[in-house]
């Protein structure tokens, strides 16, 4: 867990005070937050209908599709997501708008005063801030993304009308357990009695584990395949469930994996009746949904401007093997003979560098390795060694700007390069800031 900062000195001081309460070792659990929420008057029990989404990859994008569908139906929607890319405020949207500094200062001040110096993790305390904000501000629905895992995640204090689990894979094993079944069981821990749990398609043993946990909780399991499904053909996303079929435009968010995230959000919205969402709103959501640093093509700016005209620079926070495979798949049709494809990568120290780089073998002209500023990370030289072990030429550079400058120096203007910057959401946030782009 890394401290959050703000250009506003008052907000920066409050975020620092919140982080100072965080223990050096993370002890997952709900007791600390539940005690604080009780003292705050139980705001988590006074929320508009909550849509709760977990998953190793795709939960943030699914949350974006959920919010888009609800907002396209005319609803005011709160949302809580993490981490932020550029500003902490991005994590909390009140009735559709990113929380402003003054409102956030008031909320943090109130929660810190009630907490009275008690030991609590930064994420738990800021979750209390979000829940208090949601209880105080009128809205029609809440979309809440799990931070880490599910069963013991701070967001699991909510009482949802709908839950969902996106793609599952290996990540955060130090907290969630060593194997995929351990992780699946933790993610499925958001299941609640008599609340629908909509799930994606998983390998048989993983699906069985999710079903087991859901069954013990008494949740109504809604599985992809028997209960709902989706496929792309004839230029559209075709969705079906027991209520009927629906033809949707292809999502604006890029990549085959986003088709699955969009379909999961549609299934979650269609399998509940507390906040009805018409088909027209679901169609509109495909174009409305936006989620920065998920195969986002960067605008012209200080970073991208060093490359020759016609170059493309893409940004993605892929930081585990499953996410890397999904992103690499999105560039499958790219022809290296026509245009070179470069990967600029920075990875946190705890991440699986060989697993992240392997999907790009044979698809990448060269890898440029960079540090992740302000965070413990794999050194660029280490990443170069891993890249070379996969047959990928590697170059260690000091930062993303230097990597793009090196690529520009060797670029053929008749074949402008395609560049993907990936490996860490912290790196992605720094890239957006350096290129003068807002992540909100």
Protein backbone atom coordinates (compact mmCIF):
# COMPACT_ATOMS: atom_id res chain seq x y z
CA UNK A 1 0.00 0.00 0.00
CA UNK A 2 1.39 3.37 -1.02
CA UNK A 3 0.48 6.78 0.38
CA UNK A 4 -1.75 9.05 -1.70
CA UNK A 5 -0.88 12.68 -2.35
CA UNK A 6 -2.68 15.83 -3.49
CA UNK A 7 -1.68 19.22 -4.89
CA UNK A 8 -4.13 20.70 -2.37
CA UNK A 9 -2.04 21.13 0.82
CA UNK A 10 -5.00 20.63 3.18
CA UNK A 11 -6.14 17.44 1.42
CA UNK A 12 -2.54 16.23 1.19
CA UNK A 13 -2.12 16.63 4.97
CA UNK A 14 -5.35 14.71 5.64
CA UNK A 15 -4.35 11.87 3.29
CA UNK A 16 -0.98 11.70 5.07
CA UNK A 17 -2.75 11.57 8.44
CA UNK A 18 -4.96 8.74 7.18
CA UNK A 19 -1.96 6.81 5.88
CA UNK A 20 -0.08 7.28 9.16
CA UNK A 21 -2.70 5.06 10.85
CA UNK A 22 -1.85 2.17 8.51
CA UNK A 23 0.01 -0.80 9.97
CA UNK A 24 3.26 -1.86 8.28
CA UNK A 25 1.88 -5.37 7.85
CA UNK A 26 -1.54 -5.83 6.24
CA UNK A 27 -4.00 -7.80 8.34
CA UNK A 28 -7.10 -8.31 6.23
CA UNK A 29 -10.38 -8.26 8.13
CA UNK A 30 -13.58 -6.31 8.65
CA UNK A 31 -13.57 -5.72 12.43
CA UNK A 32 -11.68 -2.40 12.42
CA UNK A 33 -13.87 -0.91 9.71
CA UNK A 34 -17.10 -2.20 11.26
CA UNK A 35 -16.20 -0.52 14.56
CA UNK A 36 -15.53 2.76 12.77
CA UNK A 37 -18.74 2.53 10.73
CA UNK A 38 -20.75 1.93 13.91
CA UNK A 39 -19.33 5.14 15.38
CA UNK A 40 -20.19 6.95 12.12
CA UNK A 41 -23.84 5.85 12.35
CA UNK A 42 -23.61 2.85 9.99
CA UNK A 43 -23.57 4.72 6.67
CA UNK A 44 -23.07 1.40 4.83
CA UNK A 45 -26.62 0.46 5.78
CA UNK A 46 -28.08 3.70 4.33
CA UNK A 47 -26.95 3.41 0.71
CA UNK A 48 -28.88 3.35 -2.56
CA UNK A 49 -28.99 -0.12 -4.19
CA UNK A 50 -25.42 -1.48 -4.37
CA UNK A 51 -23.83 -3.41 -7.25
CA UNK A 52 -20.70 -5.14 -5.88
CA UNK A 53 -18.07 -6.47 -8.29
CA UNK A 54 -14.96 -8.61 -7.63
CA UNK A 55 -12.37 -10.28 -9.86
CA UNK A 56 -8.64 -10.53 -10.52
CA UNK A 57 -8.91 -8.66 -13.82
CA UNK A 58 -11.78 -6.80 -15.41
CA UNK A 59 -13.65 -5.71 -12.30
CA UNK A 60 -12.87 -2.04 -12.88
CA UNK A 61 -13.97 -2.18 -16.49
CA UNK A 62 -17.11 -4.10 -15.49
CA UNK A 63 -17.81 -1.37 -12.93
CA UNK A 64 -17.45 1.22 -15.70
CA UNK A 65 -19.98 -0.64 -17.87
CA UNK A 66 -22.35 -0.96 -14.89
CA UNK A 67 -22.15 2.76 -14.18
CA UNK A 68 -22.62 3.59 -17.86
CA UNK A 69 -25.72 1.40 -18.13
CA UNK A 70 -27.27 2.86 -15.00
CA UNK A 71 -26.46 6.44 -16.01
CA UNK A 72 -27.76 5.89 -19.54
CA UNK A 73 -31.09 4.94 -17.94
CA UNK A 74 -31.20 8.36 -16.26
CA UNK A 75 -29.98 7.24 -12.84
CA UNK A 76 -27.62 9.14 -10.55
CA UNK A 77 -24.82 6.73 -9.64
CA UNK A 78 -22.20 6.70 -6.89
CA UNK A 79 -19.07 4.66 -7.55
CA UNK A 80 -16.05 3.54 -5.56
CA UNK A 81 -13.05 2.15 -7.44
CA UNK A 82 -9.33 1.72 -6.82
CA UNK A 83 -6.55 2.46 -7.24
CA UNK A 84 -6.52 5.99 -8.61
CA UNK A 85 -4.26 6.92 -11.50
CA UNK A 86 -3.49 10.62 -11.04
CA UNK A 87 -5.64 12.02 -8.19
CA UNK A 88 -7.05 10.21 -5.16
CA UNK A 89 -10.41 11.89 -5.85
CA UNK A 90 -10.89 9.57 -8.87
CA UNK A 91 -11.80 6.74 -6.49
CA UNK A 92 -15.05 8.34 -5.34
CA UNK A 93 -17.82 9.54 -7.66
CA UNK A 94 -20.83 11.19 -6.08
CA UNK A 95 -23.97 11.05 -8.25
CA UNK A 96 -21.72 10.70 -11.30
CA UNK A 97 -19.11 13.37 -10.53
CA UNK A 98 -15.62 12.86 -9.11
CA UNK A 99 -15.62 14.16 -5.54
CA UNK A 100 -14.18 17.68 -5.30
CA UNK A 101 -11.39 18.64 -2.91
CA UNK A 102 -13.57 20.62 -0.48
CA UNK A 103 -16.10 17.80 -0.09
CA UNK A 104 -13.32 15.24 0.33
CA UNK A 105 -11.57 17.41 2.93
CA UNK A 106 -14.79 17.58 4.97
CA UNK A 107 -15.36 13.83 4.74
CA UNK A 108 -11.80 12.90 5.64
CA UNK A 109 -11.82 15.34 8.54
CA UNK A 110 -15.04 13.83 9.92
CA UNK A 111 -13.86 10.23 9.58
CA UNK A 112 -10.42 10.91 11.07
CA UNK A 113 -12.03 12.71 14.02
CA UNK A 114 -14.41 9.81 14.71
CA UNK A 115 -11.63 7.26 14.28
CA UNK A 116 -9.64 9.17 16.93
CA UNK A 117 -6.25 7.73 16.05
CA UNK A 118 -7.30 4.08 15.98
CA UNK A 119 -5.11 1.72 13.96
CA UNK A 120 -6.74 1.04 10.62
CA UNK A 121 -5.55 0.45 7.08
CA UNK A 122 -5.59 3.32 4.62
CA UNK A 123 -8.02 1.48 2.35
CA UNK A 124 -10.39 0.72 5.25
CA UNK A 125 -10.45 4.35 6.34
CA UNK A 126 -10.95 5.70 2.83
CA UNK A 127 -13.69 3.10 2.26
CA UNK A 128 -15.43 4.58 5.31
CA UNK A 129 -15.04 8.00 3.68
CA UNK A 130 -16.68 6.76 0.48
CA UNK A 131 -19.54 5.06 2.30
CA UNK A 132 -20.19 8.16 4.40
CA UNK A 133 -20.22 10.26 1.23
CA UNK A 134 -22.66 7.87 -0.44
CA UNK A 135 -25.00 7.93 2.55
CA UNK A 136 -25.02 11.73 2.67
CA UNK A 137 -25.55 12.36 -1.06
CA UNK A 138 -28.79 11.36 -2.83
CA UNK A 139 -28.41 8.89 -5.71
CA UNK A 140 -30.25 5.99 -7.32
CA UNK A 141 -27.51 3.33 -7.24
CA UNK A 142 -23.97 2.54 -6.07
CA UNK A 143 -21.30 0.65 -7.99
CA UNK A 144 -18.61 -0.67 -5.65
CA UNK A 145 -15.43 -2.38 -6.84
CA UNK A 146 -13.63 -4.76 -4.46
CA UNK A 147 -10.15 -3.57 -3.55
CA UNK A 148 -8.38 -6.87 -2.81
CA UNK A 149 -9.90 -10.34 -2.74
CA UNK A 150 -13.48 -10.20 -1.56
CA UNK A 151 -14.30 -12.08 1.62
CA UNK A 152 -12.18 -9.87 3.89
CA UNK A 153 -12.05 -6.78 1.67
CA UNK A 154 -13.21 -3.54 3.27
CA UNK A 155 -15.96 -3.14 0.67
CA UNK A 156 -17.57 -6.40 1.81
CA UNK A 157 -19.47 -4.51 4.53
CA UNK A 158 -22.02 -3.37 1.94
CA UNK A 159 -25.45 -4.96 1.58
CA UNK A 160 -25.80 -5.38 -2.19
CA UNK A 161 -28.74 -6.04 -4.48
CA UNK A 162 -26.41 -7.65 -7.03
CA UNK A 163 -22.92 -9.14 -6.96
CA UNK A 164 -20.63 -10.24 -9.76
CA UNK A 165 -17.20 -11.78 -10.36
CA UNK A 166 -15.17 -10.93 -13.44
CA UNK A 167 -12.11 -12.81 -14.69
CA UNK A 168 -10.06 -14.85 -12.22
CA UNK A 169 -6.30 -15.42 -12.22
CA UNK A 170 -3.19 -15.49 -10.07
CA UNK A 171 -2.36 -12.24 -8.27
CA UNK A 172 -1.85 -11.09 -4.67
CA UNK A 173 -1.06 -14.67 -3.60
CA UNK A 174 0.67 -13.38 -0.47
CA UNK A 175 -2.75 -12.33 0.86
CA UNK A 176 -5.27 -14.49 -0.97
CA UNK A 177 -3.52 -17.88 -1.00
CA UNK A 178 -1.10 -19.64 -3.33
CA UNK A 179 -3.47 -21.26 -5.83
CA UNK A 180 -6.27 -20.29 -8.15
CA UNK A 181 -8.83 -22.17 -6.04
CA UNK A 182 -7.78 -20.18 -2.95
CA UNK A 183 -8.19 -16.96 -4.90
CA UNK A 184 -11.54 -18.03 -6.38
CA UNK A 185 -12.82 -18.83 -2.90
CA UNK A 186 -11.77 -15.42 -1.57
CA UNK A 187 -13.35 -13.57 -4.49
CA UNK A 188 -16.58 -15.54 -4.12
CA UNK A 189 -16.67 -14.37 -0.51
CA UNK A 190 -18.73 -11.36 -1.63
CA UNK A 191 -21.70 -13.75 -2.08
CA UNK A 192 -24.68 -12.87 0.13
CA UNK A 193 -27.81 -14.77 1.10
CA UNK A 194 -30.60 -14.45 -1.50
CA UNK A 195 -28.54 -11.95 -3.53
CA UNK A 196 -27.81 -12.90 -7.17
CA UNK A 197 -24.14 -13.64 -7.92
CA UNK A 198 -23.42 -13.36 -11.65
CA UNK A 199 -20.19 -15.07 -12.69
CA UNK A 200 -18.05 -15.36 -15.80
CA UNK A 201 -16.92 -18.61 -17.43
CA UNK A 202 -14.12 -20.37 -15.54
CA UNK A 203 -12.32 -23.71 -15.73
CA UNK A 204 -14.38 -26.52 -14.21
CA UNK A 205 -12.56 -26.74 -10.86
CA UNK A 206 -12.62 -22.96 -10.41
CA UNK A 207 -16.33 -22.80 -11.26
CA UNK A 208 -16.98 -25.57 -8.73
CA UNK A 209 -15.15 -23.63 -5.99
CA UNK A 210 -17.13 -20.46 -6.72
CA UNK A 211 -20.38 -22.46 -6.70
CA UNK A 212 -19.44 -24.07 -3.38
CA UNK A 213 -18.82 -20.74 -1.66
CA UNK A 214 -21.97 -19.23 -3.17
CA UNK A 215 -23.99 -22.22 -2.03
CA UNK A 216 -22.77 -21.97 1.56
CA UNK A 217 -23.63 -18.26 1.56
CA UNK A 218 -27.11 -18.94 0.17
CA UNK A 219 -26.54 -16.74 -2.90
CA UNK A 220 -28.41 -17.26 -6.15
CA UNK A 221 -25.66 -18.28 -8.61
CA UNK A 222 -26.12 -17.09 -12.21
CA UNK A 223 -23.49 -18.70 -14.45
CA UNK A 224 -22.25 -17.84 -17.90
CA UNK A 225 -23.28 -20.69 -20.17
CA UNK A 226 -26.41 -22.15 -18.62
CA UNK A 227 -27.98 -18.87 -17.43
CA UNK A 228 -26.56 -16.23 -19.76
CA UNK A 229 -24.02 -15.93 -22.53
CA UNK A 230 -22.68 -13.58 -25.20
CA UNK A 231 -20.85 -13.83 -28.51
CA UNK A 232 -19.59 -11.47 -31.21
CA UNK A 233 -20.72 -11.91 -34.80
CA UNK A 234 -21.93 -9.70 -37.64
CA UNK A 235 -20.26 -6.68 -36.03
CA UNK A 236 -22.28 -6.77 -32.80
CA UNK A 237 -22.21 -8.21 -29.29
CA UNK A 238 -25.09 -10.67 -29.08
CA UNK A 239 -26.27 -11.32 -25.52
CA UNK A 240 -28.87 -13.86 -24.39
CA UNK A 241 -30.40 -15.03 -21.13
CA UNK A 242 -33.66 -16.65 -20.05
CA UNK A 243 -35.48 -13.33 -20.55
CA UNK A 244 -34.49 -13.12 -24.22
CA UNK A 245 -31.84 -11.91 -26.64
CA UNK A 246 -30.23 -8.52 -27.07
CA UNK A 247 -28.03 -7.15 -29.86
CA UNK A 248 -25.52 -4.56 -28.63
CA UNK A 249 -22.97 -2.32 -30.36
CA UNK A 250 -19.35 -3.35 -29.81
CA UNK A 251 -17.90 -1.59 -26.74
CA UNK A 252 -15.75 1.50 -27.13
CA UNK A 253 -13.22 -0.04 -24.71
CA UNK A 254 -10.65 -1.92 -26.80
CA UNK A 255 -9.77 -5.62 -26.63
CA UNK A 256 -11.55 -8.99 -26.71
CA UNK A 257 -11.53 -9.13 -22.90
CA UNK A 258 -13.70 -6.00 -22.78
CA UNK A 259 -16.43 -7.89 -24.61
CA UNK A 260 -16.57 -10.28 -21.65
CA UNK A 261 -16.57 -7.42 -19.13
CA UNK A 262 -19.38 -5.65 -20.99
CA UNK A 263 -21.44 -8.84 -21.18
CA UNK A 264 -20.96 -9.48 -17.45
CA UNK A 265 -22.22 -5.98 -16.65
CA UNK A 266 -25.25 -6.49 -18.88
CA UNK A 267 -25.98 -9.81 -17.13
CA UNK A 268 -25.74 -8.13 -13.71
CA UNK A 269 -28.12 -5.36 -14.74
CA UNK A 270 -30.62 -7.72 -16.38
CA UNK A 271 -30.77 -10.19 -13.49
CA UNK A 272 -32.00 -7.64 -10.95
CA UNK A 273 -35.22 -5.65 -10.81
CA UNK A 274 -34.52 -3.13 -8.06
CA UNK A 275 -33.13 -0.57 -10.52
CA UNK A 276 -34.67 -1.41 -13.92
CA UNK A 277 -32.42 -0.65 -16.89
CA UNK A 278 -34.06 -0.62 -20.34
CA UNK A 279 -32.41 -2.27 -23.34
CA UNK A 280 -31.78 1.13 -24.93
CA UNK A 281 -29.61 2.12 -21.96
CA UNK A 282 -27.64 -1.13 -22.21
CA UNK A 283 -26.95 -0.35 -25.87
CA UNK A 284 -25.87 3.19 -25.02
CA UNK A 285 -23.57 1.88 -22.26
CA UNK A 286 -21.34 0.17 -24.80
CA UNK A 287 -20.26 3.55 -26.12
CA UNK A 288 -20.50 5.49 -22.86
CA UNK A 289 -18.24 3.30 -20.72
CA UNK A 290 -14.77 4.75 -20.25
CA UNK A 291 -11.97 3.34 -18.09
CA UNK A 292 -8.57 5.07 -18.35
CA UNK A 293 -5.34 3.05 -18.71
CA UNK A 294 -7.17 0.01 -20.06
CA UNK A 295 -5.92 -0.19 -23.64
CA UNK A 296 -6.27 3.57 -23.80
CA UNK A 297 -4.79 5.30 -26.84
CA UNK A 298 -2.91 8.33 -25.60
CA UNK A 299 -3.59 11.80 -26.95
CA UNK A 300 -0.97 14.05 -28.51
CA UNK A 301 1.07 15.43 -25.63
CA UNK A 302 4.53 16.04 -24.20
CA UNK A 303 5.33 12.31 -24.02
CA UNK A 304 3.80 11.08 -27.25
CA UNK A 305 4.96 14.12 -29.22
CA UNK A 306 8.53 12.83 -29.49
CA UNK A 307 7.44 10.03 -31.84
CA UNK A 308 7.04 10.52 -35.61
CA UNK A 309 3.62 11.39 -37.08
CA UNK A 310 1.31 8.40 -37.38
CA UNK A 311 2.73 6.64 -34.32
CA UNK A 312 0.34 5.06 -31.83
CA UNK A 313 0.92 4.96 -28.07
CA UNK A 314 -1.32 2.74 -25.98
CA UNK A 315 -1.51 2.54 -22.19
CA UNK A 316 -2.64 -0.38 -20.04
CA UNK A 317 -2.21 -1.26 -16.38
CA UNK A 318 -1.71 -4.98 -17.08
CA UNK A 319 0.37 -6.28 -14.16
CA UNK A 320 -0.33 -10.02 -13.92
CA UNK A 321 -0.09 -12.88 -16.43
CA UNK A 322 -3.82 -13.10 -17.18
CA UNK A 323 -4.06 -9.37 -17.88
CA UNK A 324 -0.91 -9.49 -20.02
CA UNK A 325 -2.37 -12.34 -22.09
CA UNK A 326 -5.56 -10.35 -22.66
CA UNK A 327 -3.65 -7.25 -23.74
CA UNK A 328 -1.26 -9.19 -25.99
CA UNK A 329 -4.29 -10.83 -27.60
CA UNK A 330 -5.66 -7.40 -28.45
CA UNK A 331 -2.59 -6.83 -30.65
CA UNK A 332 -2.72 -10.29 -32.23
CA UNK A 333 -3.60 -8.91 -35.66
CA UNK A 334 -0.68 -6.49 -35.61
CA UNK A 335 1.84 -7.20 -38.40
CA UNK A 336 5.41 -6.55 -37.24
CA UNK A 337 6.57 -6.54 -40.86
CA UNK A 338 4.39 -3.50 -41.54
CA UNK A 339 4.86 -1.53 -38.32
CA UNK A 340 7.17 -2.26 -35.37
CA UNK A 341 5.55 -2.90 -32.00
CA UNK A 342 7.40 -1.87 -28.84
CA UNK A 343 6.58 -2.70 -25.23
CA UNK A 344 7.58 -0.19 -22.53
CA UNK A 345 7.20 -1.93 -19.19
CA UNK A 346 7.62 -1.23 -15.49
CA UNK A 347 6.56 -3.77 -12.85
CA UNK A 348 6.24 -3.70 -9.08
CA UNK A 349 8.64 -6.00 -7.26
CA UNK A 350 5.97 -8.46 -6.11
CA UNK A 351 4.67 -9.11 -9.63
CA UNK A 352 5.41 -12.13 -11.84
CA UNK A 353 7.75 -10.62 -14.45
CA UNK A 354 8.22 -13.82 -16.53
CA UNK A 355 4.47 -14.41 -16.55
CA UNK A 356 3.74 -10.85 -17.69
CA UNK A 357 6.38 -10.78 -20.43
CA UNK A 358 5.81 -14.27 -21.85
CA UNK A 359 2.60 -13.42 -23.80
CA UNK A 360 4.51 -10.82 -25.81
CA UNK A 361 7.16 -13.27 -27.06
CA UNK A 362 7.16 -13.36 -30.86
CA UNK A 363 4.82 -10.37 -31.04
CA UNK A 364 7.17 -7.57 -30.00
CA UNK A 365 10.02 -5.83 -31.80
CA UNK A 366 11.74 -4.87 -28.53
CA UNK A 367 11.08 -4.31 -24.83
CA UNK A 368 12.08 -1.09 -23.09
CA UNK A 369 12.21 -1.60 -19.31
CA UNK A 370 11.63 1.32 -16.93
CA UNK A 371 11.38 1.83 -13.15
CA UNK A 372 8.07 2.55 -11.41
CA UNK A 373 8.69 5.90 -9.67
CA UNK A 374 8.15 5.91 -5.91
CA UNK A 375 7.47 2.18 -5.62
CA UNK A 376 9.48 -0.99 -5.03
CA UNK A 377 9.91 -2.44 -8.51
CA UNK A 378 11.80 -4.90 -10.67
CA UNK A 379 14.91 -3.09 -11.88
CA UNK A 380 15.02 -2.34 -15.60
CA UNK A 381 18.08 -4.60 -15.92
CA UNK A 382 16.18 -7.49 -14.30
CA UNK A 383 13.27 -6.99 -16.70
CA UNK A 384 15.68 -6.93 -19.65
CA UNK A 385 17.10 -10.29 -18.55
CA UNK A 386 13.59 -11.76 -18.30
CA UNK A 387 12.68 -10.36 -21.71
CA UNK A 388 15.79 -11.87 -23.27
CA UNK A 389 14.98 -15.25 -21.71
CA UNK A 390 11.78 -15.14 -23.80
CA UNK A 391 13.67 -14.20 -26.94
CA UNK A 392 12.72 -10.52 -26.73
CA UNK A 393 15.38 -7.86 -27.33
CA UNK A 394 15.51 -5.67 -24.23
CA UNK A 395 16.78 -2.19 -23.37
CA UNK A 396 16.98 -0.70 -19.88
CA UNK A 397 15.99 2.98 -19.73
CA UNK A 398 15.62 5.58 -16.98
CA UNK A 399 11.95 6.42 -17.57
CA UNK A 400 9.12 6.31 -20.10
CA UNK A 401 10.18 9.56 -21.72
CA UNK A 402 13.67 8.22 -22.32
CA UNK A 403 12.24 4.98 -23.73
CA UNK A 404 10.02 6.85 -26.20
CA UNK A 405 12.95 9.07 -27.20
CA UNK A 406 15.06 5.95 -27.93
CA UNK A 407 12.24 4.46 -29.99
CA UNK A 408 11.87 7.75 -31.88
CA UNK A 409 15.59 7.87 -32.71
CA UNK A 410 15.41 4.49 -34.42
CA UNK A 411 12.00 4.99 -36.03
CA UNK A 412 11.35 4.71 -39.76
CA UNK A 413 8.93 7.50 -40.67
CA UNK A 414 7.41 5.35 -43.39
CA UNK A 415 6.59 2.71 -40.74
CA UNK A 416 5.62 4.71 -37.62
CA UNK A 417 5.80 2.56 -34.49
CA UNK A 418 3.07 1.22 -32.26
CA UNK A 419 4.02 1.46 -28.56
CA UNK A 420 2.32 -0.17 -25.57
CA UNK A 421 3.17 1.14 -22.09
CA UNK A 422 2.15 -1.44 -19.48
CA UNK A 423 2.98 -3.27 -16.27
CA UNK A 424 1.68 -1.11 -13.42
CA UNK A 425 -1.28 1.17 -12.75
CA UNK A 426 1.09 3.40 -10.77
CA UNK A 427 3.23 3.75 -13.88
CA UNK A 428 0.09 4.36 -15.96
CA UNK A 429 -0.92 7.20 -13.66
CA UNK A 430 2.51 8.80 -13.95
CA UNK A 431 2.33 8.50 -17.76
CA UNK A 432 -1.09 10.19 -17.91
CA UNK A 433 0.15 13.02 -15.70
CA UNK A 434 3.33 13.46 -17.76
CA UNK A 435 1.32 13.54 -20.99
CA UNK A 436 -1.03 16.16 -19.58
CA UNK A 437 -4.08 13.87 -19.55
CA UNK A 438 -6.77 13.70 -16.88
CA UNK A 439 -7.62 10.21 -15.64
CA UNK A 440 -11.16 11.19 -14.65
